[in-house]
Structure formats: structure tokens, C-alpha cells
Amino acid sequence: MKRIDLNTGIIPLSEFRANATQCVAQVRETRRPMVITQHGKSASVLMDVGEYEKLMDSLELLQDIQTAEGQIDQGLTISHTQAKRQLLARVRA
């Protein structure tokens, strides 16, 4: 995912309301998220759907890696031979 452009990627809510179509077009074209502020503070992020899906896929992968590392630390591992045996038993069943 591309980073937010600090010059054009932060806009107040009032400007977003007035120019929503252009803001969405900019996000889709540049694939850069846009921060929408309210009362001078960040309130939400507008981002391209494809970029959001990539972000969620990356997050899920990182969570799976973290889970696997925890299982390794707890000694919850099996050998390659055991894994192959279990997989073949499931496929044949």
C-alpha cells in the first residue's frame, strides 16, 4: 500500500463533503489513502478497495505467522514425516 501524501492526502470533513466524488477518484487513481479530519483531528481514512483487501490479506498472513511462532515456542510441532502421513490420511479418507 502506498503511503499517504501529506500534501494532498489530508482534508477536512467539510472539504470532503463538498468534493466527495473528486476525493474518491483521487484515491482510486493514486491508490493512496486519504485522511479525513474533523475539528482538526484525524477522524477516518478513505482508501481504495483493492488496497484495503491487500492490507487485510497481509494482516491475516502476519497473524498466522505470529500464531505459528507461538506454537513453535510451545513445542507444538510435528516432523515433516508426521505431517505428510496425517495429510495423506485425510486425503484418502
PDB file of N, CA and C in Angstrom:
ATOM      1  N   MET A   1       0.842  -1.180   0.000  1.00  0.00           N
ATOM      2  CA  MET A   1       0.000   0.000   0.000  1.00  0.00           C
ATOM      3  C   MET A   1       0.884   1.239   0.000  1.00  0.00           C
ATOM      4  N   LYS A   2       0.523   2.190  -0.814  1.00  0.00           N
ATOM      5  CA  LYS A   2       1.263   3.452  -0.846  1.00  0.00           C
ATOM      6  C   LYS A   2       0.925   4.268   0.398  1.00  0.00           C
ATOM      7  N   ARG A   3       1.872   5.064   0.806  1.00  0.00           N
ATOM      8  CA  ARG A   3       1.674   5.923   1.971  1.00  0.00           C
ATOM      9  C   ARG A   3       0.847   7.152   1.610  1.00  0.00           C
ATOM     10  N   ILE A   4       0.298   7.755   2.633  1.00  0.00           N
ATOM     11  CA  ILE A   4      -0.491   8.975   2.466  1.00  0.00           C
ATOM     12  C   ILE A   4       0.420  10.101   1.999  1.00  0.00           C
ATOM     13  N   ASP A   5      -0.029  10.846   1.023  1.00  0.00           N
ATOM     14  CA  ASP A   5       0.673  12.039   0.564  1.00  0.00           C
ATOM     15  C   ASP A   5       0.281  13.166   1.518  1.00  0.00           C
ATOM     16  N   LEU A   6       1.223  13.643   2.298  1.00  0.00           N
ATOM     17  CA  LEU A   6       0.921  14.635   3.319  1.00  0.00           C
ATOM     18  C   LEU A   6       0.496  15.983   2.735  1.00  0.00           C
ATOM     19  N   ASN A   7       0.784  16.221   1.461  1.00  0.00           N
ATOM     20  CA  ASN A   7       0.375  17.488   0.826  1.00  0.00           C
ATOM     21  C   ASN A   7      -1.061  17.448   0.328  1.00  0.00           C
ATOM     22  N   THR A   8      -1.506  16.315  -0.177  1.00  0.00           N
ATOM     23  CA  THR A   8      -2.845  16.245  -0.763  1.00  0.00           C
ATOM     24  C   THR A   8      -3.722  15.183  -0.121  1.00  0.00           C
ATOM     25  N   GLY A   9      -3.198  14.432   0.802  1.00  0.00           N
ATOM     26  CA  GLY A   9      -3.938  13.302   1.342  1.00  0.00           C
ATOM     27  C   GLY A   9      -4.603  13.522   2.685  1.00  0.00           C
ATOM     28  N   ILE A  10      -4.620  14.744   3.157  1.00  0.00           N
ATOM     29  CA  ILE A  10      -5.281  15.058   4.422  1.00  0.00           C
ATOM     30  C   ILE A  10      -6.235  16.221   4.157  1.00  0.00           C
ATOM     31  N   ILE A  11      -7.526  15.973   4.379  1.00  0.00           N
ATOM     32  CA  ILE A  11      -8.510  17.033   4.103  1.00  0.00           C
ATOM     33  C   ILE A  11      -9.541  17.100   5.224  1.00  0.00           C
ATOM     34  N   PRO A  12     -10.071  18.276   5.459  1.00  0.00           N
ATOM     35  CA  PRO A  12     -11.128  18.409   6.455  1.00  0.00           C
ATOM     36  C   PRO A  12     -12.436  17.806   5.940  1.00  0.00           C
ATOM     37  N   LEU A  13     -13.270  17.387   6.862  1.00  0.00           N
ATOM     38  CA  LEU A  13     -14.552  16.779   6.526  1.00  0.00           C
ATOM     39  C   LEU A  13     -15.390  17.684   5.632  1.00  0.00           C
ATOM     40  N   SER A  14     -15.393  18.971   5.897  1.00  0.00           N
ATOM     41  CA  SER A  14     -16.192  19.908   5.091  1.00  0.00           C
ATOM     42  C   SER A  14     -15.732  19.890   3.631  1.00  0.00           C
ATOM     43  N   GLU A  15     -14.430  19.811   3.406  1.00  0.00           N
ATOM     44  CA  GLU A  15     -13.910  19.749   2.033  1.00  0.00           C
ATOM     45  C   GLU A  15     -14.265  18.408   1.397  1.00  0.00           C
ATOM     46  N   PHE A  16     -14.195  17.340   2.184  1.00  0.00           N
ATOM     47  CA  PHE A  16     -14.579  16.024   1.655  1.00  0.00           C
ATOM     48  C   PHE A  16     -16.047  16.026   1.228  1.00  0.00           C
ATOM     49  N   ARG A  17     -16.904  16.577   2.071  1.00  0.00           N
ATOM     50  CA  ARG A  17     -18.341  16.649   1.734  1.00  0.00           C
ATOM     51  C   ARG A  17     -18.558  17.394   0.412  1.00  0.00           C
ATOM     52  N   ALA A  18     -17.863  18.482   0.247  1.00  0.00           N
ATOM     53  CA  ALA A  18     -18.041  19.310  -0.945  1.00  0.00           C
ATOM     54  C   ALA A  18     -17.445  18.662  -2.197  1.00  0.00           C
ATOM     55  N   ASN A  19     -16.454  17.793  -2.008  1.00  0.00           N
ATOM     56  CA  ASN A  19     -15.728  17.225  -3.142  1.00  0.00           C
ATOM     57  C   ASN A  19     -15.594  15.711  -3.060  1.00  0.00           C
ATOM     58  N   ALA A  20     -16.595  15.045  -2.555  1.00  0.00           N
ATOM     59  CA  ALA A  20     -16.514  13.599  -2.331  1.00  0.00           C
ATOM     60  C   ALA A  20     -16.167  12.826  -3.596  1.00  0.00           C
ATOM     61  N   THR A  21     -16.802  13.159  -4.692  1.00  0.00           N
ATOM     62  CA  THR A  21     -16.547  12.454  -5.949  1.00  0.00           C
ATOM     63  C   THR A  21     -15.089  12.589  -6.374  1.00  0.00           C
ATOM     64  N   GLN A  22     -14.550  13.796  -6.288  1.00  0.00           N
ATOM     65  CA  GLN A  22     -13.153  14.007  -6.658  1.00  0.00           C
ATOM     66  C   GLN A  22     -12.205  13.297  -5.696  1.00  0.00           C
ATOM     67  N   CYS A  23     -12.541  13.277  -4.411  1.00  0.00           N
ATOM     68  CA  CYS A  23     -11.699  12.603  -3.421  1.00  0.00           C
ATOM     69  C   CYS A  23     -11.636  11.097  -3.707  1.00  0.00           C
ATOM     70  N   VAL A  24     -12.797  10.516  -3.990  1.00  0.00           N
ATOM     71  CA  VAL A  24     -12.837   9.081  -4.304  1.00  0.00           C
ATOM     72  C   VAL A  24     -12.041   8.812  -5.578  1.00  0.00           C
ATOM     73  N   ALA A  25     -12.193   9.650  -6.571  1.00  0.00           N
ATOM     74  CA  ALA A  25     -11.451   9.484  -7.822  1.00  0.00           C
ATOM     75  C   ALA A  25      -9.947   9.565  -7.581  1.00  0.00           C
ATOM     76  N   GLN A  26      -9.520  10.500  -6.742  1.00  0.00           N
ATOM     77  CA  GLN A  26      -8.096  10.650  -6.440  1.00  0.00           C
ATOM     78  C   GLN A  26      -7.558   9.405  -5.753  1.00  0.00           C
ATOM     79  N   VAL A  27      -8.307   8.881  -4.788  1.00  0.00           N
ATOM     80  CA  VAL A  27      -7.874   7.688  -4.056  1.00  0.00           C
ATOM     81  C   VAL A  27      -7.793   6.487  -5.005  1.00  0.00           C
ATOM     82  N   ARG A  28      -8.771   6.346  -5.869  1.00  0.00           N
ATOM     83  CA  ARG A  28      -8.775   5.227  -6.814  1.00  0.00           C
ATOM     84  C   ARG A  28      -7.622   5.347  -7.807  1.00  0.00           C
ATOM     85  N   GLU A  29      -7.349   6.566  -8.275  1.00  0.00           N
ATOM     86  CA  GLU A  29      -6.299   6.786  -9.268  1.00  0.00           C
ATOM     87  C   GLU A  29      -4.906   6.596  -8.674  1.00  0.00           C
ATOM     88  N   THR A  30      -4.670   7.187  -7.513  1.00  0.00           N
ATOM     89  CA  THR A  30      -3.332   7.160  -6.913  1.00  0.00           C
ATOM     90  C   THR A  30      -3.082   5.929  -6.053  1.00  0.00           C
ATOM     91  N   ARG A  31      -4.166   5.287  -5.637  1.00  0.00           N
ATOM     92  CA  ARG A  31      -4.099   4.144  -4.709  1.00  0.00           C
ATOM     93  C   ARG A  31      -3.501   4.551  -3.357  1.00  0.00           C
ATOM     94  N   ARG A  32      -3.515   5.836  -3.073  1.00  0.00           N
ATOM     95  CA  ARG A  32      -3.037   6.348  -1.785  1.00  0.00           C
ATOM     96  C   ARG A  32      -4.248   6.651  -0.906  1.00  0.00           C
ATOM     97  N   PRO A  33      -4.192   6.259   0.358  1.00  0.00           N
ATOM     98  CA  PRO A  33      -5.305   6.582   1.259  1.00  0.00           C
ATOM     99  C   PRO A  33      -5.370   8.088   1.524  1.00  0.00           C
ATOM    100  N   MET A  34      -6.524   8.513   1.994  1.00  0.00           N
ATOM    101  CA  MET A  34      -6.746   9.919   2.310  1.00  0.00           C
ATOM    102  C   MET A  34      -7.287   9.999   3.739  1.00  0.00           C
ATOM    103  N   VAL A  35      -6.700  10.861   4.538  1.00  0.00           N
ATOM    104  CA  VAL A  35      -7.153  11.065   5.911  1.00  0.00           C
ATOM    105  C   VAL A  35      -8.159  12.212   5.919  1.00  0.00           C
ATOM    106  N   ILE A  36      -9.290  11.962   6.547  1.00  0.00           N
ATOM    107  CA  ILE A  36     -10.326  12.991   6.674  1.00  0.00           C
ATOM    108  C   ILE A  36     -10.316  13.453   8.122  1.00  0.00           C
ATOM    109  N   THR A  37     -10.198  14.756   8.301  1.00  0.00           N
ATOM    110  CA  THR A  37     -10.134  15.308   9.658  1.00  0.00           C
ATOM    111  C   THR A  37     -11.466  15.924  10.041  1.00  0.00           C
ATOM    112  N   GLN A  38     -11.673  15.959  11.353  1.00  0.00           N
ATOM    113  CA  GLN A  38     -12.862  16.606  11.902  1.00  0.00           C
ATOM    114  C   GLN A  38     -12.423  17.392  13.128  1.00  0.00           C
ATOM    115  N   HIS A  39     -12.713  18.662  13.138  1.00  0.00           N
ATOM    116  CA  HIS A  39     -12.294  19.558  14.218  1.00  0.00           C
ATOM    117  C   HIS A  39     -10.767  19.538  14.395  1.00  0.00           C
ATOM    118  N   GLY A  40     -10.070  19.436  13.268  1.00  0.00           N
ATOM    119  CA  GLY A  40      -8.610  19.494  13.288  1.00  0.00           C
ATOM    120  C   GLY A  40      -7.907  18.215  13.681  1.00  0.00           C
ATOM    121  N   LYS A  41      -8.652  17.137  13.890  1.00  0.00           N
ATOM    122  CA  LYS A  41      -8.050  15.863  14.284  1.00  0.00           C
ATOM    123  C   LYS A  41      -8.446  14.773  13.290  1.00  0.00           C
ATOM    124  N   SER A  42      -7.561  13.820  13.087  1.00  0.00           N
ATOM    125  CA  SER A  42      -7.884  12.740  12.162  1.00  0.00           C
ATOM    126  C   SER A  42      -9.123  11.992  12.654  1.00  0.00           C
ATOM    127  N   ALA A  43     -10.030  11.698  11.707  1.00  0.00           N
ATOM    128  CA  ALA A  43     -11.293  11.065  12.069  1.00  0.00           C
ATOM    129  C   ALA A  43     -11.510   9.749  11.321  1.00  0.00           C
ATOM    130  N   SER A  44     -11.079   9.705  10.059  1.00  0.00           N
ATOM    131  CA  SER A  44     -11.266   8.473   9.286  1.00  0.00           C
ATOM    132  C   SER A  44     -10.286   8.449   8.122  1.00  0.00           C
ATOM    133  N   VAL A  45     -10.252   7.277   7.465  1.00  0.00           N
ATOM    134  CA  VAL A  45      -9.369   7.090   6.320  1.00  0.00           C
ATOM    135  C   VAL A  45     -10.193   6.567   5.157  1.00  0.00           C
ATOM    136  N   LEU A  46     -10.023   7.184   4.009  1.00  0.00           N
ATOM    137  CA  LEU A  46     -10.654   6.725   2.772  1.00  0.00           C
ATOM    138  C   LEU A  46      -9.570   6.023   1.970  1.00  0.00           C
ATOM    139  N   MET A  47      -9.847   4.758   1.583  1.00  0.00           N
ATOM    140  CA  MET A  47      -8.844   4.059   0.796  1.00  0.00           C
ATOM    141  C   MET A  47      -9.484   3.211  -0.287  1.00  0.00           C
ATOM    142  N   ASP A  48      -8.707   2.902  -1.303  1.00  0.00           N
ATOM    143  CA  ASP A  48      -9.139   2.088  -2.420  1.00  0.00           C
ATOM    144  C   ASP A  48      -9.473   0.679  -1.930  1.00  0.00           C
ATOM    145  N   VAL A  49     -10.533   0.098  -2.465  1.00  0.00           N
ATOM    146  CA  VAL A  49     -10.976  -1.227  -2.033  1.00  0.00           C
ATOM    147  C   VAL A  49      -9.898  -2.278  -2.276  1.00  0.00           C
ATOM    148  N   GLY A  50      -9.270  -2.242  -3.427  1.00  0.00           N
ATOM    149  CA  GLY A  50      -8.211  -3.213  -3.723  1.00  0.00           C
ATOM    150  C   GLY A  50      -7.053  -3.104  -2.753  1.00  0.00           C
ATOM    151  N   GLU A  51      -6.667  -1.884  -2.416  1.00  0.00           N
ATOM    152  CA  GLU A  51      -5.582  -1.675  -1.449  1.00  0.00           C
ATOM    153  C   GLU A  51      -5.997  -2.152  -0.060  1.00  0.00           C
ATOM    154  N   TYR A  52      -7.260  -1.942   0.285  1.00  0.00           N
ATOM    155  CA  TYR A  52      -7.773  -2.415   1.575  1.00  0.00           C
ATOM    156  C   TYR A  52      -7.698  -3.939   1.639  1.00  0.00           C
ATOM    157  N   GLU A  53      -8.116  -4.599   0.571  1.00  0.00           N
ATOM    158  CA  GLU A  53      -8.079  -6.066   0.544  1.00  0.00           C
ATOM    159  C   GLU A  53      -6.648  -6.577   0.673  1.00  0.00           C
ATOM    160  N   LYS A  54      -5.697  -5.937  -0.016  1.00  0.00           N
ATOM    161  CA  LYS A  54      -4.289  -6.325   0.108  1.00  0.00           C
ATOM    162  C   LYS A  54      -3.807  -6.151   1.547  1.00  0.00           C
ATOM    163  N   LEU A  55      -4.210  -5.051   2.162  1.00  0.00           N
ATOM    164  CA  LEU A  55      -3.820  -4.779   3.547  1.00  0.00           C
ATOM    165  C   LEU A  55      -4.361  -5.855   4.485  1.00  0.00           C
ATOM    166  N   MET A  56      -5.624  -6.231   4.297  1.00  0.00           N
ATOM    167  CA  MET A  56      -6.225  -7.268   5.135  1.00  0.00           C
ATOM    168  C   MET A  56      -5.557  -8.623   4.908  1.00  0.00           C
ATOM    169  N   ASP A  57      -5.216  -8.942   3.660  1.00  0.00           N
ATOM    170  CA  ASP A  57      -4.511 -10.192   3.370  1.00  0.00           C
ATOM    171  C   ASP A  57      -3.160 -10.222   4.081  1.00  0.00           C
ATOM    172  N   SER A  58      -2.435  -9.098   4.034  1.00  0.00           N
ATOM    173  CA  SER A  58      -1.137  -9.009   4.704  1.00  0.00           C
ATOM    174  C   SER A  58      -1.286  -9.163   6.210  1.00  0.00           C
ATOM    175  N   LEU A  59      -2.303  -8.524   6.768  1.00  0.00           N
ATOM    176  CA  LEU A  59      -2.549  -8.612   8.199  1.00  0.00           C
ATOM    177  C   LEU A  59      -2.853 -10.050   8.611  1.00  0.00           C
ATOM    178  N   GLU A  60      -3.699 -10.727   7.841  1.00  0.00           N
ATOM    179  CA  GLU A  60      -4.032 -12.119   8.151  1.00  0.00           C
ATOM    180  C   GLU A  60      -2.789 -13.007   8.101  1.00  0.00           C
ATOM    181  N   LEU A  61      -1.931 -12.789   7.097  1.00  0.00           N
ATOM    182  CA  LEU A  61      -0.709 -13.572   6.997  1.00  0.00           C
ATOM    183  C   LEU A  61       0.195 -13.331   8.201  1.00  0.00           C
ATOM    184  N   LEU A  62       0.345 -12.084   8.594  1.00  0.00           N
ATOM    185  CA  LEU A  62       1.173 -11.770   9.761  1.00  0.00           C
ATOM    186  C   LEU A  62       0.604 -12.387  11.035  1.00  0.00           C
ATOM    187  N   GLN A  63      -0.722 -12.407  11.165  1.00  0.00           N
ATOM    188  CA  GLN A  63      -1.346 -13.029  12.329  1.00  0.00           C
ATOM    189  C   GLN A  63      -1.112 -14.538  12.321  1.00  0.00           C
ATOM    190  N   ASP A  64      -1.189 -15.158  11.137  1.00  0.00           N
ATOM    191  CA  ASP A  64      -0.913 -16.596  11.031  1.00  0.00           C
ATOM    192  C   ASP A  64       0.531 -16.908  11.405  1.00  0.00           C
ATOM    193  N   ILE A  65       1.459 -16.057  10.965  1.00  0.00           N
ATOM    194  CA  ILE A  65       2.870 -16.251  11.313  1.00  0.00           C
ATOM    195  C   ILE A  65       3.063 -16.118  12.815  1.00  0.00           C
ATOM    196  N   GLN A  66       2.422 -15.137  13.421  1.00  0.00           N
ATOM    197  CA  GLN A  66       2.534 -14.939  14.865  1.00  0.00           C
ATOM    198  C   GLN A  66       1.981 -16.145  15.615  1.00  0.00           C
ATOM    199  N   THR A  67       0.853 -16.676  15.158  1.00  0.00           N
ATOM    200  CA  THR A  67       0.270 -17.869  15.772  1.00  0.00           C
ATOM    201  C   THR A  67       1.229 -19.047  15.651  1.00  0.00           C
ATOM    202  N   ALA A  68       1.801 -19.228  14.460  1.00  0.00           N
ATOM    203  CA  ALA A  68       2.728 -20.339  14.228  1.00  0.00           C
ATOM    204  C   ALA A  68       3.971 -20.211  15.101  1.00  0.00           C
ATOM    205  N   GLU A  69       4.489 -18.999  15.241  1.00  0.00           N
ATOM    206  CA  GLU A  69       5.666 -18.797  16.088  1.00  0.00           C
ATOM    207  C   GLU A  69       5.354 -19.138  17.549  1.00  0.00           C
ATOM    208  N   GLY A  70       4.163 -18.778  17.986  1.00  0.00           N
ATOM    209  CA  GLY A  70       3.752 -19.126  19.351  1.00  0.00           C
ATOM    210  C   GLY A  70       3.650 -20.637  19.528  1.00  0.00           C
ATOM    211  N   GLN A  71       3.133 -21.329  18.528  1.00  0.00           N
ATOM    212  CA  GLN A  71       3.030 -22.781  18.589  1.00  0.00           C
ATOM    213  C   GLN A  71       4.417 -23.414  18.604  1.00  0.00           C
ATOM    214  N   ILE A  72       5.338 -22.871  17.843  1.00  0.00           N
ATOM    215  CA  ILE A  72       6.711 -23.383  17.853  1.00  0.00           C
ATOM    216  C   ILE A  72       7.326 -23.186  19.232  1.00  0.00           C
ATOM    217  N   ASP A  73       7.141 -22.003  19.814  1.00  0.00           N
ATOM    218  CA  ASP A  73       7.678 -21.720  21.148  1.00  0.00           C
ATOM    219  C   ASP A  73       7.114 -22.662  22.200  1.00  0.00           C
ATOM    220  N   GLN A  74       5.864 -23.108  22.005  1.00  0.00           N
ATOM    221  CA  GLN A  74       5.221 -24.017  22.961  1.00  0.00           C
ATOM    222  C   GLN A  74       5.552 -25.479  22.675  1.00  0.00           C
ATOM    223  N   GLY A  75       6.333 -25.710  21.624  1.00  0.00           N
ATOM    224  CA  GLY A  75       6.706 -27.078  21.283  1.00  0.00           C
ATOM    225  C   GLY A  75       5.597 -27.851  20.584  1.00  0.00           C
ATOM    226  N   LEU A  76       4.659 -27.158  20.003  1.00  0.00           N
ATOM    227  CA  LEU A  76       3.532 -27.809  19.337  1.00  0.00           C
ATOM    228  C   LEU A  76       3.853 -28.049  17.862  1.00  0.00           C
ATOM    229  N   THR A  77       4.922 -28.761  17.606  1.00  0.00           N
ATOM    230  CA  THR A  77       5.347 -29.035  16.241  1.00  0.00           C
ATOM    231  C   THR A  77       5.342 -30.534  15.982  1.00  0.00           C
ATOM    232  N   ILE A  78       5.315 -30.873  14.701  1.00  0.00           N
ATOM    233  CA  ILE A  78       5.450 -32.277  14.308  1.00  0.00           C
ATOM    234  C   ILE A  78       6.473 -32.336  13.182  1.00  0.00           C
ATOM    235  N   SER A  79       7.027 -33.505  12.960  1.00  0.00           N
ATOM    236  CA  SER A  79       8.033 -33.661  11.915  1.00  0.00           C
ATOM    237  C   SER A  79       7.371 -33.625  10.545  1.00  0.00           C
ATOM    238  N   HIS A  80       8.203 -33.470   9.536  1.00  0.00           N
ATOM    239  CA  HIS A  80       7.715 -33.473   8.163  1.00  0.00           C
ATOM    240  C   HIS A  80       7.047 -34.809   7.843  1.00  0.00           C
ATOM    241  N   THR A  81       7.653 -35.870   8.281  1.00  0.00           N
ATOM    242  CA  THR A  81       7.111 -37.214   8.036  1.00  0.00           C
ATOM    243  C   THR A  81       5.731 -37.364   8.669  1.00  0.00           C
ATOM    244  N   GLN A  82       5.581 -36.893   9.896  1.00  0.00           N
ATOM    245  CA  GLN A  82       4.281 -36.966  10.569  1.00  0.00           C
ATOM    246  C   GLN A  82       3.234 -36.113   9.838  1.00  0.00           C
ATOM    247  N   ALA A  83       3.623 -34.935   9.416  1.00  0.00           N
ATOM    248  CA  ALA A  83       2.689 -34.052   8.714  1.00  0.00           C
ATOM    249  C   ALA A  83       2.247 -34.693   7.397  1.00  0.00           C
ATOM    250  N   LYS A  84       3.192 -35.272   6.678  1.00  0.00           N
ATOM    251  CA  LYS A  84       2.877 -35.928   5.409  1.00  0.00           C
ATOM    252  C   LYS A  84       1.927 -37.101   5.630  1.00  0.00           C
ATOM    253  N   ARG A  85       2.188 -37.881   6.664  1.00  0.00           N
ATOM    254  CA  ARG A  85       1.344 -39.035   6.998  1.00  0.00           C
ATOM    255  C   ARG A  85      -0.089 -38.580   7.321  1.00  0.00           C
ATOM    256  N   GLN A  86      -0.211 -37.525   8.131  1.00  0.00           N
ATOM    257  CA  GLN A  86      -1.538 -37.026   8.502  1.00  0.00           C
ATOM    258  C   GLN A  86      -2.287 -36.470   7.289  1.00  0.00           C
ATOM    259  N   LEU A  87      -1.572 -35.764   6.434  1.00  0.00           N
ATOM    260  CA  LEU A  87      -2.196 -35.197   5.235  1.00  0.00           C
ATOM    261  C   LEU A  87      -2.676 -36.298   4.293  1.00  0.00           C
ATOM    262  N   LEU A  88      -1.850 -37.291   4.066  1.00  0.00           N
ATOM    263  CA  LEU A  88      -2.244 -38.392   3.193  1.00  0.00           C
ATOM    264  C   LEU A  88      -3.443 -39.167   3.762  1.00  0.00           C
ATOM    265  N   ALA A  89      -3.476 -39.293   5.070  1.00  0.00           N
ATOM    266  CA  ALA A  89      -4.611 -39.996   5.694  1.00  0.00           C
ATOM    267  C   ALA A  89      -5.902 -39.205   5.480  1.00  0.00           C
ATOM    268  N   ARG A  90      -5.834 -37.897   5.541  1.00  0.00           N
ATOM    269  CA  ARG A  90      -7.034 -37.069   5.317  1.00  0.00           C
ATOM    270  C   ARG A  90      -7.485 -37.124   3.864  1.00  0.00           C
ATOM    271  N   VAL A  91      -6.519 -37.126   2.951  1.00  0.00           N
ATOM    272  CA  VAL A  91      -6.858 -37.145   1.525  1.00  0.00           C
ATOM    273  C   VAL A  91      -7.504 -38.479   1.148  1.00  0.00           C
ATOM    274  N   ARG A  92      -7.029 -39.554   1.709  1.00  0.00           N
ATOM    275  CA  ARG A  92      -7.547 -40.886   1.387  1.00  0.00           C
ATOM    276  C   ARG A  92      -8.894 -41.164   2.037  1.00  0.00           C
ATOM    277  N   ALA A  93      -9.205 -40.455   3.112  1.00  0.00           N
ATOM    278  CA  ALA A  93     -10.462 -40.715   3.820  1.00  0.00           C
ATOM    279  C   ALA A  93     -11.665 -40.180   3.130  1.00  0.00           C
TER     280      ALA A  93
END
